[in-house]
Amino acid sequence: TRGLIFALPTMFGVFLGQQLFVERFAAYYRPFCLV
């Protein structure tokens, strides 16, 4: 139940994150996540 409920906001977040994955940001994604 929790998984199905929170899948929708998760997918919304993933959609937003995909829009940020462009070449000029590629070098920054790893350190950002790890910090």
ModelCIF file with pLDDT and N, C-alpha, C, O atoms, coordinates in Angstrom:
data_MODEL
#
_entry.id   MODEL 
#
_entity.id                         1 
_entity.type                       polymer 
_entity.pdbx_number_of_molecules   1 
#
_entity_poly.entity_id                      1 
_entity_poly.type                           'polypeptide(L)' 
_entity_poly.nstd_linkage                   no 
_entity_poly.nstd_monomer                   no 
_entity_poly.pdbx_seq_one_letter_code       TRGLIFALPTMFGVFLGQQLFVERFAAYYRPFCLV 
_entity_poly.pdbx_seq_one_letter_code_can   TRGLIFALPTMFGVFLGQQLFVERFAAYYRPFCLV 
_entity_poly.pdbx_strand_id                 A 
#
loop_
_entity_poly_seq.entity_id 
_entity_poly_seq.num 
_entity_poly_seq.mon_id 
_entity_poly_seq.hetero 
1 1  THR n 
1 2  ARG n 
1 3  GLY n 
1 4  LEU n 
1 5  ILE n 
1 6  PHE n 
1 7  ALA n 
1 8  LEU n 
1 9  PRO n 
1 10 THR n 
1 11 MET n 
1 12 PHE n 
1 13 GLY n 
1 14 VAL n 
1 15 PHE n 
1 16 LEU n 
1 17 GLY n 
1 18 GLN n 
1 19 GLN n 
1 20 LEU n 
1 21 PHE n 
1 22 VAL n 
1 23 GLU n 
1 24 ARG n 
1 25 PHE n 
1 26 ALA n 
1 27 ALA n 
1 28 TYR n 
1 29 TYR n 
1 30 ARG n 
1 31 PRO n 
1 32 PHE n 
1 33 CYS n 
1 34 LEU n 
1 35 VAL n 
#
_struct_asym.id          A 
_struct_asym.entity_id   1 
#
loop_
_ma_qa_metric.id 
_ma_qa_metric.mode 
_ma_qa_metric.name 
_ma_qa_metric.software_group_id 
_ma_qa_metric.type 
1 global pLDDT . pLDDT 
2 local  pLDDT . pLDDT 
#
_ma_qa_metric_global.metric_id      1 
_ma_qa_metric_global.metric_value   85.91 
_ma_qa_metric_global.model_id       1 
_ma_qa_metric_global.ordinal_id     1 
#
loop_
_ma_qa_metric_local.label_asym_id 
_ma_qa_metric_local.label_comp_id 
_ma_qa_metric_local.label_seq_id 
_ma_qa_metric_local.metric_id 
_ma_qa_metric_local.metric_value 
_ma_qa_metric_local.model_id 
_ma_qa_metric_local.ordinal_id 
A THR 1  2 94.00 1 1  
A ARG 2  2 95.00 1 2  
A GLY 3  2 94.00 1 3  
A LEU 4  2 95.00 1 4  
A ILE 5  2 95.00 1 5  
A PHE 6  2 97.00 1 6  
A ALA 7  2 96.00 1 7  
A LEU 8  2 96.00 1 8  
A PRO 9  2 96.00 1 9  
A THR 10 2 97.00 1 10 
A MET 11 2 96.00 1 11 
A PHE 12 2 97.00 1 12 
A GLY 13 2 96.00 1 13 
A VAL 14 2 94.00 1 14 
A PHE 15 2 95.00 1 15 
A LEU 16 2 94.00 1 16 
A GLY 17 2 91.00 1 17 
A GLN 18 2 89.00 1 18 
A GLN 19 2 89.00 1 19 
A LEU 20 2 84.00 1 20 
A PHE 21 2 79.00 1 21 
A VAL 22 2 77.00 1 22 
A GLU 23 2 72.00 1 23 
A ARG 24 2 77.00 1 24 
A PHE 25 2 74.00 1 25 
A ALA 26 2 71.00 1 26 
A ALA 27 2 76.00 1 27 
A TYR 28 2 78.00 1 28 
A TYR 29 2 70.00 1 29 
A ARG 30 2 70.00 1 30 
A PRO 31 2 79.00 1 31 
A PHE 32 2 77.00 1 32 
A CYS 33 2 71.00 1 33 
A LEU 34 2 75.00 1 34 
A VAL 35 2 81.00 1 35 
#
loop_
_atom_site.group_PDB 
_atom_site.id 
_atom_site.type_symbol 
_atom_site.label_atom_id 
_atom_site.label_alt_id 
_atom_site.label_comp_id 
_atom_site.label_asym_id 
_atom_site.label_entity_id 
_atom_site.label_seq_id 
_atom_site.pdbx_PDB_ins_code 
_atom_site.Cartn_x 
_atom_site.Cartn_y 
_atom_site.Cartn_z 
_atom_site.occupancy 
_atom_site.B_iso_or_equiv 
_atom_site.pdbx_formal_charge 
_atom_site.auth_seq_id 
_atom_site.auth_comp_id 
_atom_site.auth_asym_id 
_atom_site.auth_atom_id 
_atom_site.pdbx_PDB_model_num 
ATOM 1   N N  . THR A 1 1  ? 0.832  -1.211 0.000   1.00 94.00 ? 1  THR A N  1 
ATOM 2   C CA . THR A 1 1  ? 0.000  0.000  0.000   1.00 94.00 ? 1  THR A CA 1 
ATOM 3   C C  . THR A 1 1  ? 0.860  1.251  0.000   1.00 94.00 ? 1  THR A C  1 
ATOM 4   O O  . THR A 1 1  ? 0.624  2.171  -0.784  1.00 94.00 ? 1  THR A O  1 
ATOM 5   N N  . ARG A 1 2  ? 1.856  1.290  0.875   1.00 95.00 ? 2  ARG A N  1 
ATOM 6   C CA . ARG A 1 2  ? 2.751  2.448  0.906   1.00 95.00 ? 2  ARG A CA 1 
ATOM 7   C C  . ARG A 1 2  ? 3.481  2.612  -0.417  1.00 95.00 ? 2  ARG A C  1 
ATOM 8   O O  . ARG A 1 2  ? 3.616  3.722  -0.931  1.00 95.00 ? 2  ARG A O  1 
ATOM 9   N N  . GLY A 1 3  ? 3.952  1.494  -0.962  1.00 94.00 ? 3  GLY A N  1 
ATOM 10  C CA . GLY A 1 3  ? 4.684  1.562  -2.215  1.00 94.00 ? 3  GLY A CA 1 
ATOM 11  C C  . GLY A 1 3  ? 3.852  2.139  -3.335  1.00 94.00 ? 3  GLY A C  1 
ATOM 12  O O  . GLY A 1 3  ? 4.330  2.979  -4.096  1.00 94.00 ? 3  GLY A O  1 
ATOM 13  N N  . LEU A 1 4  ? 2.597  1.694  -3.447  1.00 95.00 ? 4  LEU A N  1 
ATOM 14  C CA . LEU A 1 4  ? 1.725  2.186  -4.509  1.00 95.00 ? 4  LEU A CA 1 
ATOM 15  C C  . LEU A 1 4  ? 1.354  3.653  -4.295  1.00 95.00 ? 4  LEU A C  1 
ATOM 16  O O  . LEU A 1 4  ? 1.270  4.419  -5.254  1.00 95.00 ? 4  LEU A O  1 
ATOM 17  N N  . ILE A 1 5  ? 1.135  4.037  -3.059  1.00 95.00 ? 5  ILE A N  1 
ATOM 18  C CA . ILE A 1 5  ? 0.783  5.435  -2.763  1.00 95.00 ? 5  ILE A CA 1 
ATOM 19  C C  . ILE A 1 5  ? 1.928  6.371  -3.113  1.00 95.00 ? 5  ILE A C  1 
ATOM 20  O O  . ILE A 1 5  ? 1.722  7.407  -3.744  1.00 95.00 ? 5  ILE A O  1 
ATOM 21  N N  . PHE A 1 6  ? 3.135  6.003  -2.701  1.00 97.00 ? 6  PHE A N  1 
ATOM 22  C CA . PHE A 1 6  ? 4.272  6.904  -2.885  1.00 97.00 ? 6  PHE A CA 1 
ATOM 23  C C  . PHE A 1 6  ? 4.958  6.737  -4.240  1.00 97.00 ? 6  PHE A C  1 
ATOM 24  O O  . PHE A 1 6  ? 5.907  7.461  -4.542  1.00 97.00 ? 6  PHE A O  1 
ATOM 25  N N  . ALA A 1 7  ? 4.490  5.792  -5.061  1.00 96.00 ? 7  ALA A N  1 
ATOM 26  C CA . ALA A 1 7  ? 5.051  5.644  -6.408  1.00 96.00 ? 7  ALA A CA 1 
ATOM 27  C C  . ALA A 1 7  ? 4.765  6.871  -7.264  1.00 96.00 ? 7  ALA A C  1 
ATOM 28  O O  . ALA A 1 7  ? 5.617  7.287  -8.049  1.00 96.00 ? 7  ALA A O  1 
ATOM 29  N N  . LEU A 1 8  ? 3.584  7.453  -7.124  1.00 96.00 ? 8  LEU A N  1 
ATOM 30  C CA . LEU A 1 8  ? 3.217  8.616  -7.945  1.00 96.00 ? 8  LEU A CA 1 
ATOM 31  C C  . LEU A 1 8  ? 4.092  9.833  -7.666  1.00 96.00 ? 8  LEU A C  1 
ATOM 32  O O  . LEU A 1 8  ? 4.623  10.414 -8.612  1.00 96.00 ? 8  LEU A O  1 
ATOM 33  N N  . PRO A 1 9  ? 4.269  10.248 -6.397  1.00 96.00 ? 9  PRO A N  1 
ATOM 34  C CA . PRO A 1 9  ? 5.178  11.377 -6.165  1.00 96.00 ? 9  PRO A CA 1 
ATOM 35  C C  . PRO A 1 9  ? 6.621  11.057 -6.546  1.00 96.00 ? 9  PRO A C  1 
ATOM 36  O O  . PRO A 1 9  ? 7.371  11.948 -6.944  1.00 96.00 ? 9  PRO A O  1 
ATOM 37  N N  . THR A 1 10 ? 7.011  9.791  -6.426  1.00 97.00 ? 10 THR A N  1 
ATOM 38  C CA . THR A 1 10 ? 8.355  9.386  -6.854  1.00 97.00 ? 10 THR A CA 1 
ATOM 39  C C  . THR A 1 10 ? 8.516  9.592  -8.356  1.00 97.00 ? 10 THR A C  1 
ATOM 40  O O  . THR A 1 10 ? 9.521  10.146 -8.801  1.00 97.00 ? 10 THR A O  1 
ATOM 41  N N  . MET A 1 11 ? 7.546  9.155  -9.132  1.00 96.00 ? 11 MET A N  1 
ATOM 42  C CA . MET A 1 11 ? 7.601  9.291  -10.580 1.00 96.00 ? 11 MET A CA 1 
ATOM 43  C C  . MET A 1 11 ? 7.597  10.758 -11.009 1.00 96.00 ? 11 MET A C  1 
ATOM 44  O O  . MET A 1 11 ? 8.237  11.128 -11.993 1.00 96.00 ? 11 MET A O  1 
ATOM 45  N N  . PHE A 1 12 ? 6.879  11.579 -10.268 1.00 97.00 ? 12 PHE A N  1 
ATOM 46  C CA . PHE A 1 12 ? 6.890  13.015 -10.553 1.00 97.00 ? 12 PHE A CA 1 
ATOM 47  C C  . PHE A 1 12 ? 8.296  13.570 -10.348 1.00 97.00 ? 12 PHE A C  1 
ATOM 48  O O  . PHE A 1 12 ? 8.788  14.355 -11.159 1.00 97.00 ? 12 PHE A O  1 
ATOM 49  N N  . GLY A 1 13 ? 8.935  13.156 -9.257  1.00 96.00 ? 13 GLY A N  1 
ATOM 50  C CA . GLY A 1 13 ? 10.304 13.595 -8.993  1.00 96.00 ? 13 GLY A CA 1 
ATOM 51  C C  . GLY A 1 13 ? 11.271 13.110 -10.057 1.00 96.00 ? 13 GLY A C  1 
ATOM 52  O O  . GLY A 1 13 ? 12.142 13.861 -10.495 1.00 96.00 ? 13 GLY A O  1 
ATOM 53  N N  . VAL A 1 14 ? 11.123 11.839 -10.481 1.00 94.00 ? 14 VAL A N  1 
ATOM 54  C CA . VAL A 1 14 ? 11.993 11.290 -11.515 1.00 94.00 ? 14 VAL A CA 1 
ATOM 55  C C  . VAL A 1 14 ? 11.853 12.091 -12.811 1.00 94.00 ? 14 VAL A C  1 
ATOM 56  O O  . VAL A 1 14 ? 12.847 12.392 -13.472 1.00 94.00 ? 14 VAL A O  1 
ATOM 57  N N  . PHE A 1 15 ? 10.625 12.429 -13.165 1.00 95.00 ? 15 PHE A N  1 
ATOM 58  C CA . PHE A 1 15 ? 10.390 13.225 -14.376 1.00 95.00 ? 15 PHE A CA 1 
ATOM 59  C C  . PHE A 1 15 ? 11.135 14.559 -14.302 1.00 95.00 ? 15 PHE A C  1 
ATOM 60  O O  . PHE A 1 15 ? 11.768 14.975 -15.273 1.00 95.00 ? 15 PHE A O  1 
ATOM 61  N N  . LEU A 1 16 ? 11.060 15.222 -13.154 1.00 94.00 ? 16 LEU A N  1 
ATOM 62  C CA . LEU A 1 16 ? 11.768 16.497 -12.994 1.00 94.00 ? 16 LEU A CA 1 
ATOM 63  C C  . LEU A 1 16 ? 13.279 16.291 -13.102 1.00 94.00 ? 16 LEU A C  1 
ATOM 64  O O  . LEU A 1 16 ? 13.976 17.083 -13.736 1.00 94.00 ? 16 LEU A O  1 
ATOM 65  N N  . GLY A 1 17 ? 13.781 15.218 -12.476 1.00 91.00 ? 17 GLY A N  1 
ATOM 66  C CA . GLY A 1 17 ? 15.213 14.947 -12.507 1.00 91.00 ? 17 GLY A CA 1 
ATOM 67  C C  . GLY A 1 17 ? 15.717 14.643 -13.906 1.00 91.00 ? 17 GLY A C  1 
ATOM 68  O O  . GLY A 1 17 ? 16.830 15.030 -14.262 1.00 91.00 ? 17 GLY A O  1 
ATOM 69  N N  . GLN A 1 18 ? 14.911 13.956 -14.704 1.00 89.00 ? 18 GLN A N  1 
ATOM 70  C CA . GLN A 1 18 ? 15.305 13.644 -16.073 1.00 89.00 ? 18 GLN A CA 1 
ATOM 71  C C  . GLN A 1 18 ? 15.498 14.901 -16.915 1.00 89.00 ? 18 GLN A C  1 
ATOM 72  O O  . GLN A 1 18 ? 16.334 14.931 -17.818 1.00 89.00 ? 18 GLN A O  1 
ATOM 73  N N  . GLN A 1 19 ? 14.724 15.927 -16.614 1.00 89.00 ? 19 GLN A N  1 
ATOM 74  C CA . GLN A 1 19 ? 14.850 17.170 -17.371 1.00 89.00 ? 19 GLN A CA 1 
ATOM 75  C C  . GLN A 1 19 ? 16.179 17.873 -17.070 1.00 89.00 ? 19 GLN A C  1 
ATOM 76  O O  . GLN A 1 19 ? 16.634 18.710 -17.849 1.00 89.00 ? 19 GLN A O  1 
ATOM 77  N N  . LEU A 1 20 ? 16.789 17.530 -15.946 1.00 84.00 ? 20 LEU A N  1 
ATOM 78  C CA . LEU A 1 20 ? 18.058 18.158 -15.556 1.00 84.00 ? 20 LEU A CA 1 
ATOM 79  C C  . LEU A 1 20 ? 19.275 17.453 -16.140 1.00 84.00 ? 20 LEU A C  1 
ATOM 80  O O  . LEU A 1 20 ? 20.376 18.002 -16.138 1.00 84.00 ? 20 LEU A O  1 
ATOM 81  N N  . PHE A 1 21 ? 19.071 16.210 -16.652 1.00 79.00 ? 21 PHE A N  1 
ATOM 82  C CA . PHE A 1 21 ? 20.214 15.456 -17.161 1.00 79.00 ? 21 PHE A CA 1 
ATOM 83  C C  . PHE A 1 21 ? 20.535 15.905 -18.585 1.00 79.00 ? 21 PHE A C  1 
ATOM 84  O O  . PHE A 1 21 ? 20.105 15.294 -19.563 1.00 79.00 ? 21 PHE A O  1 
ATOM 85  N N  . VAL A 1 22 ? 21.290 16.974 -18.668 1.00 77.00 ? 22 VAL A N  1 
ATOM 86  C CA . VAL A 1 22 ? 21.774 17.500 -19.947 1.00 77.00 ? 22 VAL A CA 1 
ATOM 87  C C  . VAL A 1 22 ? 23.292 17.503 -19.886 1.00 77.00 ? 22 VAL A C  1 
ATOM 88  O O  . VAL A 1 22 ? 23.874 17.455 -18.802 1.00 77.00 ? 22 VAL A O  1 
ATOM 89  N N  . GLU A 1 23 ? 23.927 17.558 -21.030 1.00 72.00 ? 23 GLU A N  1 
ATOM 90  C CA . GLU A 1 23 ? 25.380 17.401 -21.106 1.00 72.00 ? 23 GLU A CA 1 
ATOM 91  C C  . GLU A 1 23 ? 26.142 18.381 -20.227 1.00 72.00 ? 23 GLU A C  1 
ATOM 92  O O  . GLU A 1 23 ? 27.147 18.009 -19.621 1.00 72.00 ? 23 GLU A O  1 
ATOM 93  N N  . ARG A 1 24 ? 25.688 19.615 -20.145 1.00 77.00 ? 24 ARG A N  1 
ATOM 94  C CA . ARG A 1 24 ? 26.457 20.603 -19.379 1.00 77.00 ? 24 ARG A CA 1 
ATOM 95  C C  . ARG A 1 24 ? 26.438 20.341 -17.874 1.00 77.00 ? 24 ARG A C  1 
ATOM 96  O O  . ARG A 1 24 ? 27.268 20.875 -17.138 1.00 77.00 ? 24 ARG A O  1 
ATOM 97  N N  . PHE A 1 25 ? 25.477 19.506 -17.409 1.00 74.00 ? 25 PHE A N  1 
ATOM 98  C CA . PHE A 1 25 ? 25.406 19.172 -15.983 1.00 74.00 ? 25 PHE A CA 1 
ATOM 99  C C  . PHE A 1 25 ? 25.985 17.795 -15.673 1.00 74.00 ? 25 PHE A C  1 
ATOM 100 O O  . PHE A 1 25 ? 26.103 17.433 -14.502 1.00 74.00 ? 25 PHE A O  1 
ATOM 101 N N  . ALA A 1 26 ? 26.349 17.020 -16.696 1.00 71.00 ? 26 ALA A N  1 
ATOM 102 C CA . ALA A 1 26 ? 26.764 15.631 -16.495 1.00 71.00 ? 26 ALA A CA 1 
ATOM 103 C C  . ALA A 1 26 ? 27.953 15.490 -15.542 1.00 71.00 ? 26 ALA A C  1 
ATOM 104 O O  . ALA A 1 26 ? 28.024 14.526 -14.780 1.00 71.00 ? 26 ALA A O  1 
ATOM 105 N N  . ALA A 1 27 ? 28.877 16.433 -15.580 1.00 76.00 ? 27 ALA A N  1 
ATOM 106 C CA . ALA A 1 27 ? 30.082 16.343 -14.747 1.00 76.00 ? 27 ALA A CA 1 
ATOM 107 C C  . ALA A 1 27 ? 29.792 16.584 -13.270 1.00 76.00 ? 27 ALA A C  1 
ATOM 108 O O  . ALA A 1 27 ? 30.611 16.252 -12.413 1.00 76.00 ? 27 ALA A O  1 
ATOM 109 N N  . TYR A 1 28 ? 28.638 17.156 -12.971 1.00 78.00 ? 28 TYR A N  1 
ATOM 110 C CA . TYR A 1 28 ? 28.340 17.536 -11.589 1.00 78.00 ? 28 TYR A CA 1 
ATOM 111 C C  . TYR A 1 28 ? 27.427 16.552 -10.862 1.00 78.00 ? 28 TYR A C  1 
ATOM 112 O O  . TYR A 1 28 ? 27.268 16.640 -9.645  1.00 78.00 ? 28 TYR A O  1 
ATOM 113 N N  . TYR A 1 29 ? 26.827 15.616 -11.597 1.00 70.00 ? 29 TYR A N  1 
ATOM 114 C CA . TYR A 1 29 ? 25.795 14.818 -10.947 1.00 70.00 ? 29 TYR A CA 1 
ATOM 115 C C  . TYR A 1 29 ? 26.331 13.905 -9.857  1.00 70.00 ? 29 TYR A C  1 
ATOM 116 O O  . TYR A 1 29 ? 25.682 13.749 -8.823  1.00 70.00 ? 29 TYR A O  1 
ATOM 117 N N  . ARG A 1 30 ? 27.513 13.288 -10.058 1.00 70.00 ? 30 ARG A N  1 
ATOM 118 C CA . ARG A 1 30 ? 28.045 12.355 -9.066  1.00 70.00 ? 30 ARG A CA 1 
ATOM 119 C C  . ARG A 1 30 ? 28.405 13.058 -7.757  1.00 70.00 ? 30 ARG A C  1 
ATOM 120 O O  . ARG A 1 30 ? 27.927 12.640 -6.702  1.00 70.00 ? 30 ARG A O  1 
ATOM 121 N N  . PRO A 1 31 ? 29.232 14.113 -7.783  1.00 79.00 ? 31 PRO A N  1 
ATOM 122 C CA . PRO A 1 31 ? 29.554 14.771 -6.510  1.00 79.00 ? 31 PRO A CA 1 
ATOM 123 C C  . PRO A 1 31 ? 28.338 15.353 -5.805  1.00 79.00 ? 31 PRO A C  1 
ATOM 124 O O  . PRO A 1 31 ? 28.280 15.351 -4.575  1.00 79.00 ? 31 PRO A O  1 
ATOM 125 N N  . PHE A 1 32 ? 27.369 15.849 -6.561  1.00 77.00 ? 32 PHE A N  1 
ATOM 126 C CA . PHE A 1 32 ? 26.157 16.395 -5.938  1.00 77.00 ? 32 PHE A CA 1 
ATOM 127 C C  . PHE A 1 32 ? 25.442 15.318 -5.126  1.00 77.00 ? 32 PHE A C  1 
ATOM 128 O O  . PHE A 1 32 ? 25.093 15.539 -3.966  1.00 77.00 ? 32 PHE A O  1 
ATOM 129 N N  . CYS A 1 33 ? 25.223 14.143 -5.742  1.00 71.00 ? 33 CYS A N  1 
ATOM 130 C CA . CYS A 1 33 ? 24.518 13.062 -5.050  1.00 71.00 ? 33 CYS A CA 1 
ATOM 131 C C  . CYS A 1 33 ? 25.284 12.572 -3.836  1.00 71.00 ? 33 CYS A C  1 
ATOM 132 O O  . CYS A 1 33 ? 24.697 12.318 -2.784  1.00 71.00 ? 33 CYS A O  1 
ATOM 133 N N  . LEU A 1 34 ? 26.593 12.440 -3.981  1.00 75.00 ? 34 LEU A N  1 
ATOM 134 C CA . LEU A 1 34 ? 27.390 11.875 -2.896  1.00 75.00 ? 34 LEU A CA 1 
ATOM 135 C C  . LEU A 1 34 ? 27.498 12.811 -1.697  1.00 75.00 ? 34 LEU A C  1 
ATOM 136 O O  . LEU A 1 34 ? 27.446 12.363 -0.552  1.00 75.00 ? 34 LEU A O  1 
ATOM 137 N N  . VAL A 1 35 ? 27.648 14.097 -1.954  1.00 81.00 ? 35 VAL A N  1 
ATOM 138 C CA . VAL A 1 35 ? 27.681 15.065 -0.851  1.00 81.00 ? 35 VAL A CA 1 
ATOM 139 C C  . VAL A 1 35 ? 26.346 15.056 -0.112  1.00 81.00 ? 35 VAL A C  1 
ATOM 140 O O  . VAL A 1 35 ? 26.169 15.801 0.852   1.00 81.00 ? 35 VAL A O  1 
#
